[in-house]
């Protein structure tokens, strides 16, 4: 897994406690090999305008040594199951244009390209504790859950 800054998981757990998301974790032998978020509403305004209240998977990452072992698939399946159980008919995910491997996974798992592409601007704290701004070009995929 990419090295996550020390404040990332506490921030996700705080958001989970506030009810805006669930932190999903994949483990092997008690070792965390992947994580993701199930957000209960889209984070980006351009997505929320088209699909208000639709949950989405975000921040999905699997340790490089564990990729190809089904952990990403399991995390996405868990998110879909939980969203469906909460009564949602669809779930979305944004995927970077520079990440064709992830896009192939999501398409294989039943997500469809919506044709929506946008610049995903966000802030994060790097490993040195410095607040950074970033922009990723992404396309948005949606999967029906029924």
N, C-alpha and C. Protein backbone atom coordinates (compact mmCIF):
# COMPACT_ATOMS: atom_id res chain seq x y z
N UNK A 1 0.85 -1.16 0.00
CA UNK A 1 0.00 0.00 0.00
C UNK A 1 0.89 1.22 0.00
N UNK A 2 0.44 2.27 -0.62
CA UNK A 2 1.20 3.50 -0.57
C UNK A 2 1.29 3.94 0.88
N UNK A 3 2.39 4.59 1.23
CA UNK A 3 2.52 5.08 2.60
C UNK A 3 1.49 6.17 2.83
N UNK A 4 0.68 5.99 3.84
CA UNK A 4 -0.35 6.98 4.16
C UNK A 4 0.16 7.86 5.28
N UNK A 5 -0.08 9.17 5.17
CA UNK A 5 0.30 10.05 6.27
C UNK A 5 -0.38 9.63 7.56
N UNK A 6 0.24 9.93 8.67
CA UNK A 6 -0.27 9.48 9.97
C UNK A 6 -1.67 9.97 10.26
N UNK A 7 -2.07 11.11 9.68
CA UNK A 7 -3.39 11.66 10.03
C UNK A 7 -4.51 11.17 9.12
N UNK A 8 -4.20 10.37 8.11
CA UNK A 8 -5.24 9.95 7.16
C UNK A 8 -6.29 9.07 7.83
N UNK A 9 -5.86 8.01 8.48
CA UNK A 9 -6.84 7.09 9.05
C UNK A 9 -7.63 7.70 10.20
N UNK A 10 -7.00 8.47 11.10
CA UNK A 10 -7.83 9.15 12.11
C UNK A 10 -8.88 10.07 11.48
N UNK A 11 -8.52 10.75 10.39
CA UNK A 11 -9.50 11.61 9.71
C UNK A 11 -10.64 10.77 9.14
N UNK A 12 -10.30 9.61 8.56
CA UNK A 12 -11.35 8.73 8.03
C UNK A 12 -12.22 8.19 9.16
N UNK A 13 -11.61 7.84 10.28
CA UNK A 13 -12.39 7.34 11.41
C UNK A 13 -13.29 8.42 12.00
N UNK A 14 -12.81 9.66 12.01
CA UNK A 14 -13.65 10.78 12.46
C UNK A 14 -14.84 10.94 11.53
N UNK A 15 -14.59 10.90 10.22
CA UNK A 15 -15.69 11.01 9.24
C UNK A 15 -16.66 9.84 9.41
N UNK A 16 -16.14 8.66 9.69
CA UNK A 16 -17.01 7.50 9.93
C UNK A 16 -17.87 7.73 11.17
N UNK A 17 -17.28 8.23 12.24
CA UNK A 17 -18.03 8.50 13.47
C UNK A 17 -19.12 9.55 13.24
N UNK A 18 -18.87 10.47 12.30
CA UNK A 18 -19.86 11.50 11.96
C UNK A 18 -20.93 10.97 11.01
N UNK A 19 -20.72 9.75 10.49
CA UNK A 19 -21.72 9.13 9.64
C UNK A 19 -21.61 9.41 8.15
N UNK A 20 -20.51 10.04 7.71
CA UNK A 20 -20.40 10.36 6.29
C UNK A 20 -19.76 9.26 5.46
N UNK A 21 -19.12 8.28 6.12
CA UNK A 21 -18.46 7.21 5.38
C UNK A 21 -18.20 6.02 6.29
N UNK A 22 -17.75 4.94 5.66
CA UNK A 22 -17.25 3.76 6.37
C UNK A 22 -15.84 3.48 5.88
N UNK A 23 -14.92 3.23 6.79
CA UNK A 23 -13.57 2.82 6.43
C UNK A 23 -13.59 1.30 6.27
N UNK A 24 -13.24 0.83 5.09
CA UNK A 24 -13.21 -0.60 4.79
C UNK A 24 -11.76 -1.07 4.82
N UNK A 25 -11.52 -2.24 5.38
CA UNK A 25 -10.16 -2.74 5.56
C UNK A 25 -10.07 -4.18 5.08
N UNK A 26 -9.03 -4.48 4.30
CA UNK A 26 -8.73 -5.86 3.90
C UNK A 26 -7.49 -6.29 4.69
N UNK A 27 -7.59 -7.47 5.30
CA UNK A 27 -6.49 -7.99 6.12
C UNK A 27 -6.10 -9.39 5.67
N UNK A 28 -4.84 -9.69 5.83
CA UNK A 28 -4.32 -11.05 5.64
C UNK A 28 -3.48 -11.36 6.86
N UNK A 29 -3.89 -12.36 7.61
CA UNK A 29 -3.14 -12.74 8.80
C UNK A 29 -2.96 -11.61 9.80
N UNK A 30 -3.97 -10.76 9.93
CA UNK A 30 -3.90 -9.64 10.86
C UNK A 30 -3.14 -8.44 10.35
N UNK A 31 -2.64 -8.50 9.12
CA UNK A 31 -1.89 -7.39 8.52
C UNK A 31 -2.80 -6.68 7.52
N UNK A 32 -2.90 -5.36 7.62
CA UNK A 32 -3.71 -4.59 6.69
C UNK A 32 -3.03 -4.59 5.32
N UNK A 33 -3.76 -5.04 4.30
CA UNK A 33 -3.21 -5.09 2.94
C UNK A 33 -3.96 -4.16 2.00
N UNK A 34 -5.08 -3.61 2.45
CA UNK A 34 -5.84 -2.69 1.60
C UNK A 34 -6.88 -1.95 2.41
N UNK A 35 -7.23 -0.78 1.91
CA UNK A 35 -8.27 0.03 2.55
C UNK A 35 -9.07 0.76 1.48
N UNK A 36 -10.21 1.22 1.87
CA UNK A 36 -11.05 2.04 1.00
C UNK A 36 -12.12 2.71 1.83
N UNK A 37 -12.78 3.68 1.25
CA UNK A 37 -13.88 4.36 1.91
C UNK A 37 -15.16 4.11 1.14
N UNK A 38 -16.23 3.91 1.86
CA UNK A 38 -17.57 3.95 1.29
C UNK A 38 -18.17 5.26 1.77
N UNK A 39 -18.24 6.23 0.87
CA UNK A 39 -18.84 7.53 1.20
C UNK A 39 -20.33 7.44 0.92
N UNK A 40 -21.14 8.01 1.80
CA UNK A 40 -22.59 7.92 1.64
C UNK A 40 -23.15 8.94 0.67
N UNK A 41 -22.32 9.83 0.17
CA UNK A 41 -22.73 10.80 -0.85
C UNK A 41 -21.48 11.20 -1.63
N UNK A 42 -21.64 11.63 -2.87
CA UNK A 42 -20.48 12.01 -3.66
C UNK A 42 -19.71 13.17 -3.01
N UNK A 43 -18.39 13.10 -3.11
CA UNK A 43 -17.53 14.15 -2.57
C UNK A 43 -17.45 15.35 -3.50
N UNK A 44 -17.47 15.11 -4.79
CA UNK A 44 -17.30 16.19 -5.77
C UNK A 44 -18.64 16.75 -6.21
N UNK A 45 -18.73 18.07 -6.28
CA UNK A 45 -19.99 18.74 -6.63
C UNK A 45 -20.49 18.32 -8.01
N UNK A 46 -19.59 18.16 -8.97
CA UNK A 46 -20.01 17.80 -10.33
C UNK A 46 -20.69 16.43 -10.34
N UNK A 47 -20.28 15.54 -9.46
CA UNK A 47 -20.91 14.22 -9.35
C UNK A 47 -22.22 14.33 -8.59
N UNK A 48 -22.20 15.08 -7.49
CA UNK A 48 -23.40 15.24 -6.66
C UNK A 48 -24.55 15.89 -7.43
N UNK A 49 -24.24 16.75 -8.39
CA UNK A 49 -25.29 17.37 -9.20
C UNK A 49 -26.01 16.33 -10.05
N UNK A 50 -25.27 15.35 -10.56
CA UNK A 50 -25.88 14.33 -11.43
C UNK A 50 -26.47 13.17 -10.65
N UNK A 51 -25.86 12.82 -9.53
CA UNK A 51 -26.31 11.68 -8.73
C UNK A 51 -26.37 12.06 -7.25
N UNK A 52 -27.28 12.94 -6.87
CA UNK A 52 -27.34 13.35 -5.47
C UNK A 52 -27.63 12.16 -4.55
N UNK A 53 -26.89 12.09 -3.47
CA UNK A 53 -27.13 11.04 -2.48
C UNK A 53 -26.65 9.66 -2.86
N UNK A 54 -26.00 9.52 -4.02
CA UNK A 54 -25.49 8.21 -4.42
C UNK A 54 -24.16 7.94 -3.69
N UNK A 55 -24.04 6.80 -3.04
CA UNK A 55 -22.77 6.49 -2.38
C UNK A 55 -21.66 6.25 -3.40
N UNK A 56 -20.43 6.37 -2.93
CA UNK A 56 -19.30 6.11 -3.81
C UNK A 56 -18.15 5.49 -3.04
N UNK A 57 -17.36 4.74 -3.78
CA UNK A 57 -16.13 4.16 -3.26
C UNK A 57 -15.02 5.17 -3.53
N UNK A 58 -14.17 5.39 -2.54
CA UNK A 58 -13.03 6.30 -2.77
C UNK A 58 -11.83 5.84 -1.95
N UNK A 59 -10.71 6.45 -2.25
CA UNK A 59 -9.47 6.20 -1.50
C UNK A 59 -9.11 4.71 -1.44
N UNK A 60 -9.42 3.99 -2.50
CA UNK A 60 -9.14 2.55 -2.55
C UNK A 60 -7.66 2.34 -2.84
N UNK A 61 -7.01 1.58 -1.98
CA UNK A 61 -5.61 1.25 -2.22
C UNK A 61 -5.29 -0.13 -1.66
N UNK A 62 -4.44 -0.84 -2.38
CA UNK A 62 -3.99 -2.17 -1.98
C UNK A 62 -2.47 -2.16 -2.04
N UNK A 63 -1.83 -2.76 -1.04
CA UNK A 63 -0.37 -2.82 -1.01
C UNK A 63 0.13 -3.44 -2.31
N UNK A 64 1.17 -2.84 -2.93
CA UNK A 64 1.66 -3.36 -4.21
C UNK A 64 1.98 -4.86 -4.20
N UNK A 65 2.50 -5.37 -3.09
CA UNK A 65 2.82 -6.80 -3.01
C UNK A 65 1.59 -7.68 -2.97
N UNK A 66 0.43 -7.09 -2.71
CA UNK A 66 -0.82 -7.85 -2.57
C UNK A 66 -1.77 -7.66 -3.74
N UNK A 67 -1.39 -6.83 -4.70
CA UNK A 67 -2.27 -6.60 -5.85
C UNK A 67 -2.39 -7.87 -6.67
N UNK A 68 -3.58 -8.07 -7.23
CA UNK A 68 -3.83 -9.27 -8.02
C UNK A 68 -4.29 -10.46 -7.19
N UNK A 69 -4.44 -10.26 -5.89
CA UNK A 69 -4.87 -11.34 -5.00
C UNK A 69 -6.33 -11.21 -4.57
N UNK A 70 -7.07 -10.32 -5.20
CA UNK A 70 -8.50 -10.20 -4.92
C UNK A 70 -8.90 -9.23 -3.82
N UNK A 71 -7.93 -8.53 -3.25
CA UNK A 71 -8.25 -7.63 -2.14
C UNK A 71 -9.04 -6.40 -2.62
N UNK A 72 -8.65 -5.83 -3.75
CA UNK A 72 -9.41 -4.70 -4.30
C UNK A 72 -10.83 -5.12 -4.65
N UNK A 73 -10.96 -6.29 -5.26
CA UNK A 73 -12.28 -6.82 -5.59
C UNK A 73 -13.12 -7.00 -4.32
N UNK A 74 -12.50 -7.53 -3.27
CA UNK A 74 -13.23 -7.75 -2.01
C UNK A 74 -13.66 -6.43 -1.37
N UNK A 75 -12.81 -5.42 -1.42
CA UNK A 75 -13.16 -4.11 -0.85
C UNK A 75 -14.32 -3.49 -1.62
N UNK A 76 -14.27 -3.55 -2.95
CA UNK A 76 -15.37 -3.00 -3.76
C UNK A 76 -16.65 -3.79 -3.52
N UNK A 77 -16.55 -5.11 -3.46
CA UNK A 77 -17.74 -5.94 -3.21
C UNK A 77 -18.35 -5.61 -1.85
N UNK A 78 -17.52 -5.41 -0.85
CA UNK A 78 -18.01 -5.04 0.48
C UNK A 78 -18.75 -3.71 0.42
N UNK A 79 -18.17 -2.74 -0.27
CA UNK A 79 -18.82 -1.43 -0.40
C UNK A 79 -20.17 -1.56 -1.10
N UNK A 80 -20.21 -2.35 -2.17
CA UNK A 80 -21.47 -2.54 -2.91
C UNK A 80 -22.52 -3.22 -2.05
N UNK A 81 -22.12 -4.24 -1.31
CA UNK A 81 -23.06 -4.95 -0.42
C UNK A 81 -23.62 -4.02 0.64
N UNK A 82 -22.77 -3.22 1.24
CA UNK A 82 -23.21 -2.31 2.30
C UNK A 82 -24.12 -1.21 1.73
N UNK A 83 -23.78 -0.68 0.55
CA UNK A 83 -24.61 0.36 -0.06
C UNK A 83 -25.98 -0.21 -0.42
N UNK A 84 -26.00 -1.41 -0.97
CA UNK A 84 -27.27 -2.05 -1.32
C UNK A 84 -28.11 -2.31 -0.07
N UNK A 85 -27.48 -2.81 0.99
CA UNK A 85 -28.19 -3.08 2.24
C UNK A 85 -28.77 -1.81 2.85
N UNK A 86 -28.15 -0.67 2.55
CA UNK A 86 -28.65 0.61 3.05
C UNK A 86 -29.74 1.19 2.15
N UNK A 87 -30.11 0.43 1.09
CA UNK A 87 -31.22 0.84 0.24
C UNK A 87 -30.86 1.62 -1.00
N UNK A 88 -29.58 1.67 -1.34
CA UNK A 88 -29.16 2.41 -2.53
C UNK A 88 -29.22 1.53 -3.77
N UNK A 89 -29.60 2.13 -4.89
CA UNK A 89 -29.73 1.39 -6.15
C UNK A 89 -28.46 1.46 -7.00
N UNK A 90 -27.58 2.42 -6.71
CA UNK A 90 -26.36 2.60 -7.49
C UNK A 90 -25.20 2.97 -6.56
N UNK A 91 -24.00 2.78 -7.10
CA UNK A 91 -22.79 3.23 -6.41
C UNK A 91 -21.83 3.73 -7.48
N UNK A 92 -21.04 4.72 -7.14
CA UNK A 92 -20.10 5.29 -8.09
C UNK A 92 -18.66 5.18 -7.63
N UNK A 93 -17.76 5.44 -8.57
CA UNK A 93 -16.33 5.49 -8.26
C UNK A 93 -15.65 6.35 -9.31
N UNK A 94 -14.76 7.21 -8.87
CA UNK A 94 -13.93 7.98 -9.79
C UNK A 94 -12.61 7.27 -9.96
N UNK A 95 -12.12 7.23 -11.19
CA UNK A 95 -10.85 6.55 -11.45
C UNK A 95 -9.97 7.47 -12.28
N UNK A 96 -8.72 7.60 -11.86
CA UNK A 96 -7.78 8.47 -12.56
C UNK A 96 -7.55 8.00 -13.99
N UNK A 97 -7.47 8.97 -14.90
CA UNK A 97 -7.19 8.64 -16.29
C UNK A 97 -5.82 7.98 -16.43
N UNK A 98 -4.95 8.20 -15.45
CA UNK A 98 -3.62 7.61 -15.47
C UNK A 98 -3.55 6.26 -14.74
N UNK A 99 -4.72 5.66 -14.47
CA UNK A 99 -4.77 4.40 -13.73
C UNK A 99 -5.62 3.36 -14.47
N UNK A 100 -5.15 2.92 -15.64
CA UNK A 100 -5.95 1.99 -16.43
C UNK A 100 -6.16 0.63 -15.76
N UNK A 101 -5.23 0.21 -14.90
CA UNK A 101 -5.41 -1.07 -14.21
C UNK A 101 -6.64 -1.02 -13.30
N UNK A 102 -6.79 0.07 -12.56
CA UNK A 102 -7.96 0.21 -11.68
C UNK A 102 -9.23 0.30 -12.52
N UNK A 103 -9.18 1.03 -13.62
CA UNK A 103 -10.37 1.16 -14.48
C UNK A 103 -10.80 -0.21 -14.99
N UNK A 104 -9.84 -1.05 -15.39
CA UNK A 104 -10.17 -2.40 -15.86
C UNK A 104 -10.85 -3.21 -14.75
N UNK A 105 -10.34 -3.08 -13.53
CA UNK A 105 -10.95 -3.80 -12.41
C UNK A 105 -12.39 -3.36 -12.22
N UNK A 106 -12.64 -2.05 -12.18
CA UNK A 106 -13.99 -1.55 -11.92
C UNK A 106 -14.95 -1.93 -13.04
N UNK A 107 -14.49 -1.88 -14.28
CA UNK A 107 -15.34 -2.28 -15.40
C UNK A 107 -15.66 -3.77 -15.31
N UNK A 108 -14.67 -4.57 -14.93
CA UNK A 108 -14.89 -6.01 -14.76
C UNK A 108 -15.90 -6.29 -13.65
N UNK A 109 -15.95 -5.41 -12.65
CA UNK A 109 -16.86 -5.59 -11.52
C UNK A 109 -18.25 -5.01 -11.78
N UNK A 110 -18.50 -4.59 -13.02
CA UNK A 110 -19.85 -4.15 -13.38
C UNK A 110 -20.08 -2.66 -13.41
N UNK A 111 -19.06 -1.87 -13.16
CA UNK A 111 -19.20 -0.42 -13.27
C UNK A 111 -19.20 -0.04 -14.75
N UNK A 112 -19.97 0.99 -15.08
CA UNK A 112 -20.05 1.48 -16.45
C UNK A 112 -19.54 2.91 -16.51
N UNK A 113 -18.83 3.23 -17.58
CA UNK A 113 -18.33 4.59 -17.77
C UNK A 113 -19.51 5.50 -18.08
N UNK A 114 -19.67 6.56 -17.32
CA UNK A 114 -20.80 7.48 -17.48
C UNK A 114 -20.53 8.56 -18.51
N UNK A 115 -19.28 8.68 -18.96
CA UNK A 115 -18.92 9.77 -19.86
C UNK A 115 -18.53 11.04 -19.13
N UNK A 116 -18.69 11.05 -17.82
CA UNK A 116 -18.32 12.22 -17.03
C UNK A 116 -16.83 12.16 -16.71
N UNK A 117 -16.11 13.18 -17.15
CA UNK A 117 -14.69 13.33 -16.82
C UNK A 117 -14.52 14.72 -16.22
N UNK A 118 -13.70 14.82 -15.20
CA UNK A 118 -13.52 16.10 -14.53
C UNK A 118 -12.18 16.13 -13.80
N UNK A 119 -11.80 17.32 -13.37
CA UNK A 119 -10.59 17.49 -12.58
C UNK A 119 -10.97 17.38 -11.11
N UNK A 120 -10.45 16.39 -10.45
CA UNK A 120 -10.73 16.14 -9.03
C UNK A 120 -9.68 16.88 -8.20
N UNK A 121 -10.06 18.01 -7.62
CA UNK A 121 -9.14 18.80 -6.81
C UNK A 121 -9.34 18.45 -5.34
N UNK A 122 -8.25 18.25 -4.64
CA UNK A 122 -8.32 17.88 -3.23
C UNK A 122 -7.04 18.29 -2.51
N UNK A 123 -7.09 18.27 -1.20
CA UNK A 123 -5.92 18.55 -0.36
C UNK A 123 -5.59 17.30 0.43
N UNK A 124 -4.32 17.16 0.75
CA UNK A 124 -3.89 16.04 1.58
C UNK A 124 -2.66 16.48 2.37
N UNK A 125 -2.36 15.74 3.40
CA UNK A 125 -1.16 15.97 4.19
C UNK A 125 -0.14 14.92 3.80
N UNK A 126 1.05 15.36 3.36
CA UNK A 126 2.05 14.39 2.92
C UNK A 126 2.74 13.74 4.12
N UNK A 127 3.66 12.82 3.83
CA UNK A 127 4.33 12.05 4.88
C UNK A 127 5.15 12.92 5.82
N UNK A 128 5.50 14.13 5.37
CA UNK A 128 6.26 15.06 6.20
C UNK A 128 5.36 16.01 6.98
N UNK A 129 4.03 15.81 6.86
CA UNK A 129 3.09 16.66 7.59
C UNK A 129 2.76 17.97 6.90
N UNK A 130 3.15 18.10 5.63
CA UNK A 130 2.90 19.33 4.87
C UNK A 130 1.58 19.20 4.11
N UNK A 131 0.73 20.22 4.24
CA UNK A 131 -0.55 20.24 3.52
C UNK A 131 -0.28 20.52 2.04
N UNK A 132 -0.80 19.68 1.17
CA UNK A 132 -0.58 19.80 -0.27
C UNK A 132 -1.93 19.86 -0.99
N UNK A 133 -1.94 20.54 -2.13
CA UNK A 133 -3.10 20.54 -3.02
C UNK A 133 -2.75 19.70 -4.24
N UNK A 134 -3.72 18.98 -4.75
CA UNK A 134 -3.49 18.13 -5.92
C UNK A 134 -4.73 18.15 -6.80
N UNK A 135 -4.52 17.84 -8.07
CA UNK A 135 -5.62 17.71 -9.03
C UNK A 135 -5.36 16.46 -9.85
N UNK A 136 -6.36 15.58 -9.91
CA UNK A 136 -6.29 14.38 -10.74
C UNK A 136 -7.39 14.45 -11.78
N UNK A 137 -7.05 14.12 -13.01
CA UNK A 137 -8.07 14.00 -14.05
C UNK A 137 -8.69 12.61 -13.92
N UNK A 138 -10.02 12.57 -13.74
CA UNK A 138 -10.71 11.31 -13.50
C UNK A 138 -11.90 11.14 -14.44
N UNK A 139 -12.32 9.90 -14.57
CA UNK A 139 -13.60 9.60 -15.21
C UNK A 139 -14.45 8.92 -14.15
N UNK A 140 -15.76 9.08 -14.29
CA UNK A 140 -16.66 8.57 -13.26
C UNK A 140 -17.42 7.37 -13.77
N UNK A 141 -17.43 6.32 -12.95
CA UNK A 141 -18.09 5.07 -13.28
C UNK A 141 -19.22 4.82 -12.28
N UNK A 142 -20.29 4.19 -12.74
CA UNK A 142 -21.43 3.89 -11.87
C UNK A 142 -21.84 2.44 -12.09
N UNK A 143 -22.25 1.80 -11.00
CA UNK A 143 -22.74 0.42 -11.06
C UNK A 143 -24.12 0.35 -10.41
N UNK A 144 -25.03 -0.35 -11.07
CA UNK A 144 -26.35 -0.62 -10.47
C UNK A 144 -26.18 -1.72 -9.43
N UNK A 145 -26.94 -1.60 -8.35
CA UNK A 145 -26.84 -2.57 -7.26
C UNK A 145 -28.02 -3.52 -7.18
N UNK A 146 -29.04 -3.30 -7.98
CA UNK A 146 -30.22 -4.18 -7.89
C UNK A 146 -30.15 -5.34 -8.84
